[in-house]
Amino acid sequence: MAKKRHCKYCGCRVTNQSDMCPSCTEKLRLIRKIRAIVFTIKHNAEREKLHDQTGND
């Protein structure tokens, strides 16, 4: 008999061969997009800070 698969995050039963349900998959995709945006903002802020420090000397 086949094993019943459950989402590794919320525990609901999944019908496809994935380890995550569609809802958690979408949430994870959005979280990754948000993290990429935050990383870009931090990177730009550090670059501007470094540029301002070297420009004032």
PDB file of N, CA and C in Angstrom:
ATOM      1  N   MET A   1       0.846  -1.177   0.000  1.00  0.00           N
ATOM      2  CA  MET A   1       0.000   0.000   0.000  1.00  0.00           C
ATOM      3  C   MET A   1       0.893   1.244   0.000  1.00  0.00           C
ATOM      4  N   ALA A   2       0.509   2.270  -0.746  1.00  0.00           N
ATOM      5  CA  ALA A   2       1.297   3.496  -0.861  1.00  0.00           C
ATOM      6  C   ALA A   2       1.216   4.314   0.431  1.00  0.00           C
ATOM      7  N   LYS A   3       2.313   4.991   0.719  1.00  0.00           N
ATOM      8  CA  LYS A   3       2.335   5.857   1.900  1.00  0.00           C
ATOM      9  C   LYS A   3       1.518   7.113   1.620  1.00  0.00           C
ATOM     10  N   LYS A   4       0.811   7.572   2.607  1.00  0.00           N
ATOM     11  CA  LYS A   4       0.090   8.833   2.484  1.00  0.00           C
ATOM     12  C   LYS A   4       1.090   9.959   2.710  1.00  0.00           C
ATOM     13  N   ARG A   5       1.089  10.910   1.829  1.00  0.00           N
ATOM     14  CA  ARG A   5       2.039  12.023   1.922  1.00  0.00           C
ATOM     15  C   ARG A   5       1.344  13.211   2.577  1.00  0.00           C
ATOM     16  N   HIS A   6       2.106  13.886   3.414  1.00  0.00           N
ATOM     17  CA  HIS A   6       1.597  15.073   4.102  1.00  0.00           C
ATOM     18  C   HIS A   6       2.567  16.223   3.886  1.00  0.00           C
ATOM     19  N   CYS A   7       2.032  17.425   3.881  1.00  0.00           N
ATOM     20  CA  CYS A   7       2.836  18.628   3.734  1.00  0.00           C
ATOM     21  C   CYS A   7       3.772  18.733   4.928  1.00  0.00           C
ATOM     22  N   LYS A   8       5.041  19.037   4.656  1.00  0.00           N
ATOM     23  CA  LYS A   8       6.016  19.097   5.747  1.00  0.00           C
ATOM     24  C   LYS A   8       5.852  20.342   6.606  1.00  0.00           C
ATOM     25  N   TYR A   9       5.078  21.338   6.150  1.00  0.00           N
ATOM     26  CA  TYR A   9       4.903  22.569   6.923  1.00  0.00           C
ATOM     27  C   TYR A   9       3.582  22.616   7.669  1.00  0.00           C
ATOM     28  N   CYS A  10       2.485  22.312   6.988  1.00  0.00           N
ATOM     29  CA  CYS A  10       1.191  22.444   7.663  1.00  0.00           C
ATOM     30  C   CYS A  10       0.551  21.106   8.015  1.00  0.00           C
ATOM     31  N   GLY A  11       1.051  20.015   7.430  1.00  0.00           N
ATOM     32  CA  GLY A  11       0.560  18.696   7.788  1.00  0.00           C
ATOM     33  C   GLY A  11      -0.649  18.219   7.021  1.00  0.00           C
ATOM     34  N   CYS A  12      -1.169  19.017   6.110  1.00  0.00           N
ATOM     35  CA  CYS A  12      -2.332  18.565   5.344  1.00  0.00           C
ATOM     36  C   CYS A  12      -1.896  17.510   4.324  1.00  0.00           C
ATOM     37  N   ARG A  13      -2.842  16.720   3.887  1.00  0.00           N
ATOM     38  CA  ARG A  13      -2.531  15.659   2.936  1.00  0.00           C
ATOM     39  C   ARG A  13      -2.306  16.255   1.552  1.00  0.00           C
ATOM     40  N   VAL A  14      -1.283  15.791   0.867  1.00  0.00           N
ATOM     41  CA  VAL A  14      -0.989  16.265  -0.485  1.00  0.00           C
ATOM     42  C   VAL A  14      -1.279  15.147  -1.466  1.00  0.00           C
ATOM     43  N   THR A  15      -1.763  15.529  -2.639  1.00  0.00           N
ATOM     44  CA  THR A  15      -2.129  14.539  -3.638  1.00  0.00           C
ATOM     45  C   THR A  15      -1.017  14.318  -4.658  1.00  0.00           C
ATOM     46  N   ASN A  16      -0.177  15.317  -4.858  1.00  0.00           N
ATOM     47  CA  ASN A  16       0.907  15.164  -5.830  1.00  0.00           C
ATOM     48  C   ASN A  16       2.120  14.540  -5.145  1.00  0.00           C
ATOM     49  N   GLN A  17       3.186  14.378  -5.866  1.00  0.00           N
ATOM     50  CA  GLN A  17       4.389  13.745  -5.330  1.00  0.00           C
ATOM     51  C   GLN A  17       5.282  14.723  -4.566  1.00  0.00           C
ATOM     52  N   SER A  18       4.796  15.912  -4.318  1.00  0.00           N
ATOM     53  CA  SER A  18       5.567  16.932  -3.614  1.00  0.00           C
ATOM     54  C   SER A  18       5.498  16.711  -2.103  1.00  0.00           C
ATOM     55  N   ASP A  19       6.406  17.347  -1.400  1.00  0.00           N
ATOM     56  CA  ASP A  19       6.377  17.298   0.067  1.00  0.00           C
ATOM     57  C   ASP A  19       5.629  18.477   0.657  1.00  0.00           C
ATOM     58  N   MET A  20       5.118  19.350  -0.200  1.00  0.00           N
ATOM     59  CA  MET A  20       4.404  20.534   0.275  1.00  0.00           C
ATOM     60  C   MET A  20       3.085  20.699  -0.478  1.00  0.00           C
ATOM     61  N   CYS A  21       2.111  21.272   0.211  1.00  0.00           N
ATOM     62  CA  CYS A  21       0.835  21.568  -0.427  1.00  0.00           C
ATOM     63  C   CYS A  21       0.983  22.837  -1.277  1.00  0.00           C
ATOM     64  N   PRO A  22       0.067  23.080  -2.192  1.00  0.00           N
ATOM     65  CA  PRO A  22       0.163  24.274  -3.042  1.00  0.00           C
ATOM     66  C   PRO A  22       0.168  25.581  -2.247  1.00  0.00           C
ATOM     67  N   SER A  23      -0.553  25.631  -1.156  1.00  0.00           N
ATOM     68  CA  SER A  23      -0.606  26.843  -0.343  1.00  0.00           C
ATOM     69  C   SER A  23       0.761  27.155   0.270  1.00  0.00           C
ATOM     70  N   CYS A  24       1.399  26.153   0.851  1.00  0.00           N
ATOM     71  CA  CYS A  24       2.719  26.368   1.454  1.00  0.00           C
ATOM     72  C   CYS A  24       3.772  26.635   0.386  1.00  0.00           C
ATOM     73  N   THR A  25       3.625  26.021  -0.776  1.00  0.00           N
ATOM     74  CA  THR A  25       4.554  26.273  -1.872  1.00  0.00           C
ATOM     75  C   THR A  25       4.482  27.734  -2.287  1.00  0.00           C
ATOM     76  N   GLU A  26       3.277  28.268  -2.402  1.00  0.00           N
ATOM     77  CA  GLU A  26       3.104  29.679  -2.777  1.00  0.00           C
ATOM     78  C   GLU A  26       3.657  30.599  -1.690  1.00  0.00           C
ATOM     79  N   LYS A  27       3.404  30.284  -0.438  1.00  0.00           N
ATOM     80  CA  LYS A  27       3.927  31.099   0.665  1.00  0.00           C
ATOM     81  C   LYS A  27       5.448  31.112   0.663  1.00  0.00           C
ATOM     82  N   LEU A  28       6.057  29.950   0.440  1.00  0.00           N
ATOM     83  CA  LEU A  28       7.510  29.862   0.404  1.00  0.00           C
ATOM     84  C   LEU A  28       8.078  30.680  -0.755  1.00  0.00           C
ATOM     85  N   ARG A  29       7.408  30.642  -1.900  1.00  0.00           N
ATOM     86  CA  ARG A  29       7.851  31.423  -3.052  1.00  0.00           C
ATOM     87  C   ARG A  29       7.804  32.913  -2.740  1.00  0.00           C
ATOM     88  N   LEU A  30       6.734  33.366  -2.091  1.00  0.00           N
ATOM     89  CA  LEU A  30       6.612  34.778  -1.732  1.00  0.00           C
ATOM     90  C   LEU A  30       7.647  35.190  -0.687  1.00  0.00           C
ATOM     91  N   ILE A  31       7.909  34.325   0.277  1.00  0.00           N
ATOM     92  CA  ILE A  31       8.923  34.627   1.296  1.00  0.00           C
ATOM     93  C   ILE A  31      10.289  34.785   0.644  1.00  0.00           C
ATOM     94  N   ARG A  32      10.594  33.922  -0.314  1.00  0.00           N
ATOM     95  CA  ARG A  32      11.887  34.023  -1.000  1.00  0.00           C
ATOM     96  C   ARG A  32      11.993  35.315  -1.798  1.00  0.00           C
ATOM     97  N   LYS A  33      10.889  35.749  -2.408  1.00  0.00           N
ATOM     98  CA  LYS A  33      10.898  37.022  -3.140  1.00  0.00           C
ATOM     99  C   LYS A  33      11.139  38.186  -2.187  1.00  0.00           C
ATOM    100  N   ILE A  34      10.470  38.165  -1.040  1.00  0.00           N
ATOM    101  CA  ILE A  34      10.623  39.235  -0.055  1.00  0.00           C
ATOM    102  C   ILE A  34      12.057  39.267   0.461  1.00  0.00           C
ATOM    103  N   ARG A  35      12.643  38.103   0.746  1.00  0.00           N
ATOM    104  CA  ARG A  35      14.033  38.058   1.213  1.00  0.00           C
ATOM    105  C   ARG A  35      14.985  38.622   0.167  1.00  0.00           C
ATOM    106  N   ALA A  36      14.730  38.356  -1.100  1.00  0.00           N
ATOM    107  CA  ALA A  36      15.585  38.889  -2.167  1.00  0.00           C
ATOM    108  C   ALA A  36      15.480  40.410  -2.228  1.00  0.00           C
ATOM    109  N   ILE A  37      14.290  40.942  -2.045  1.00  0.00           N
ATOM    110  CA  ILE A  37      14.095  42.387  -2.058  1.00  0.00           C
ATOM    111  C   ILE A  37      14.818  43.029  -0.881  1.00  0.00           C
ATOM    112  N   VAL A  38      14.693  42.438   0.306  1.00  0.00           N
ATOM    113  CA  VAL A  38      15.364  42.961   1.497  1.00  0.00           C
ATOM    114  C   VAL A  38      16.880  42.915   1.307  1.00  0.00           C
ATOM    115  N   PHE A  39      17.399  41.830   0.732  1.00  0.00           N
ATOM    116  CA  PHE A  39      18.835  41.729   0.480  1.00  0.00           C
ATOM    117  C   PHE A  39      19.292  42.840  -0.460  1.00  0.00           C
ATOM    118  N   THR A  40      18.521  43.106  -1.500  1.00  0.00           N
ATOM    119  CA  THR A  40      18.867  44.161  -2.452  1.00  0.00           C
ATOM    120  C   THR A  40      18.872  45.532  -1.783  1.00  0.00           C
ATOM    121  N   ILE A  41      17.888  45.794  -0.939  1.00  0.00           N
ATOM    122  CA  ILE A  41      17.813  47.074  -0.235  1.00  0.00           C
ATOM    123  C   ILE A  41      19.024  47.238   0.692  1.00  0.00           C
ATOM    124  N   LYS A  42      19.360  46.188   1.443  1.00  0.00           N
ATOM    125  CA  LYS A  42      20.516  46.257   2.333  1.00  0.00           C
ATOM    126  C   LYS A  42      21.802  46.463   1.553  1.00  0.00           C
ATOM    127  N   HIS A  43      21.945  45.767   0.453  1.00  0.00           N
ATOM    128  CA  HIS A  43      23.142  45.892  -0.375  1.00  0.00           C
ATOM    129  C   HIS A  43      23.275  47.317  -0.912  1.00  0.00           C
ATOM    130  N   ASN A  44      22.177  47.886  -1.393  1.00  0.00           N
ATOM    131  CA  ASN A  44      22.206  49.256  -1.905  1.00  0.00           C
ATOM    132  C   ASN A  44      22.512  50.263  -0.803  1.00  0.00           C
ATOM    133  N   ALA A  45      21.959  50.049   0.390  1.00  0.00           N
ATOM    134  CA  ALA A  45      22.220  50.958   1.502  1.00  0.00           C
ATOM    135  C   ALA A  45      23.692  50.916   1.913  1.00  0.00           C
ATOM    136  N   GLU A  46      24.271  49.728   1.954  1.00  0.00           N
ATOM    137  CA  GLU A  46      25.698  49.613   2.295  1.00  0.00           C
ATOM    138  C   GLU A  46      26.560  50.284   1.233  1.00  0.00           C
ATOM    139  N   ARG A  47      26.200  50.117  -0.027  1.00  0.00           N
ATOM    140  CA  ARG A  47      26.970  50.729  -1.108  1.00  0.00           C
ATOM    141  C   ARG A  47      26.888  52.259  -1.032  1.00  0.00           C
ATOM    142  N   GLU A  48      25.685  52.781  -0.756  1.00  0.00           N
ATOM    143  CA  GLU A  48      25.531  54.241  -0.622  1.00  0.00           C
ATOM    144  C   GLU A  48      26.295  54.761   0.588  1.00  0.00           C
ATOM    145  N   LYS A  49      26.276  54.017   1.681  1.00  0.00           N
ATOM    146  CA  LYS A  49      27.007  54.437   2.888  1.00  0.00           C
ATOM    147  C   LYS A  49      28.496  54.481   2.593  1.00  0.00           C
ATOM    148  N   LEU A  50      29.019  53.482   1.919  1.00  0.00           N
ATOM    149  CA  LEU A  50      30.427  53.440   1.580  1.00  0.00           C
ATOM    150  C   LEU A  50      30.769  54.572   0.620  1.00  0.00           C
ATOM    151  N   HIS A  51      29.904  54.856  -0.329  1.00  0.00           N
ATOM    152  CA  HIS A  51      30.124  55.935  -1.278  1.00  0.00           C
ATOM    153  C   HIS A  51      30.128  57.291  -0.562  1.00  0.00           C
ATOM    154  N   ASP A  52      29.216  57.465   0.403  1.00  0.00           N
ATOM    155  CA  ASP A  52      29.163  58.724   1.146  1.00  0.00           C
ATOM    156  C   ASP A  52      30.409  58.913   2.015  1.00  0.00           C
ATOM    157  N   GLN A  53      30.904  57.822   2.605  1.00  0.00           N
ATOM    158  CA  GLN A  53      32.097  57.905   3.446  1.00  0.00           C
ATOM    159  C   GLN A  53      33.330  58.249   2.629  1.00  0.00           C
ATOM    160  N   THR A  54      33.468  57.695   1.459  1.00  0.00           N
ATOM    161  CA  THR A  54      34.646  57.974   0.634  1.00  0.00           C
ATOM    162  C   THR A  54      34.535  59.338  -0.037  1.00  0.00           C
ATOM    163  N   GLY A  55      33.333  59.812  -0.259  1.00  0.00           N
ATOM    164  CA  GLY A  55      33.144  61.119  -0.892  1.00  0.00           C
ATOM    165  C   GLY A  55      33.398  62.273   0.050  1.00  0.00           C
ATOM    166  N   ASN A  56      33.270  62.061   1.349  1.00  0.00           N
ATOM    167  CA  ASN A  56      33.442  63.126   2.333  1.00  0.00           C
ATOM    168  C   ASN A  56      34.889  63.311   2.753  1.00  0.00           C
ATOM    169  N   ASP A  57      35.760  62.380   2.426  1.00  0.00           N
ATOM    170  CA  ASP A  57      37.163  62.494   2.853  1.00  0.00           C
ATOM    171  C   ASP A  57      37.938  63.453   2.011  1.00  0.00           C
TER     172      ASP A  57
END
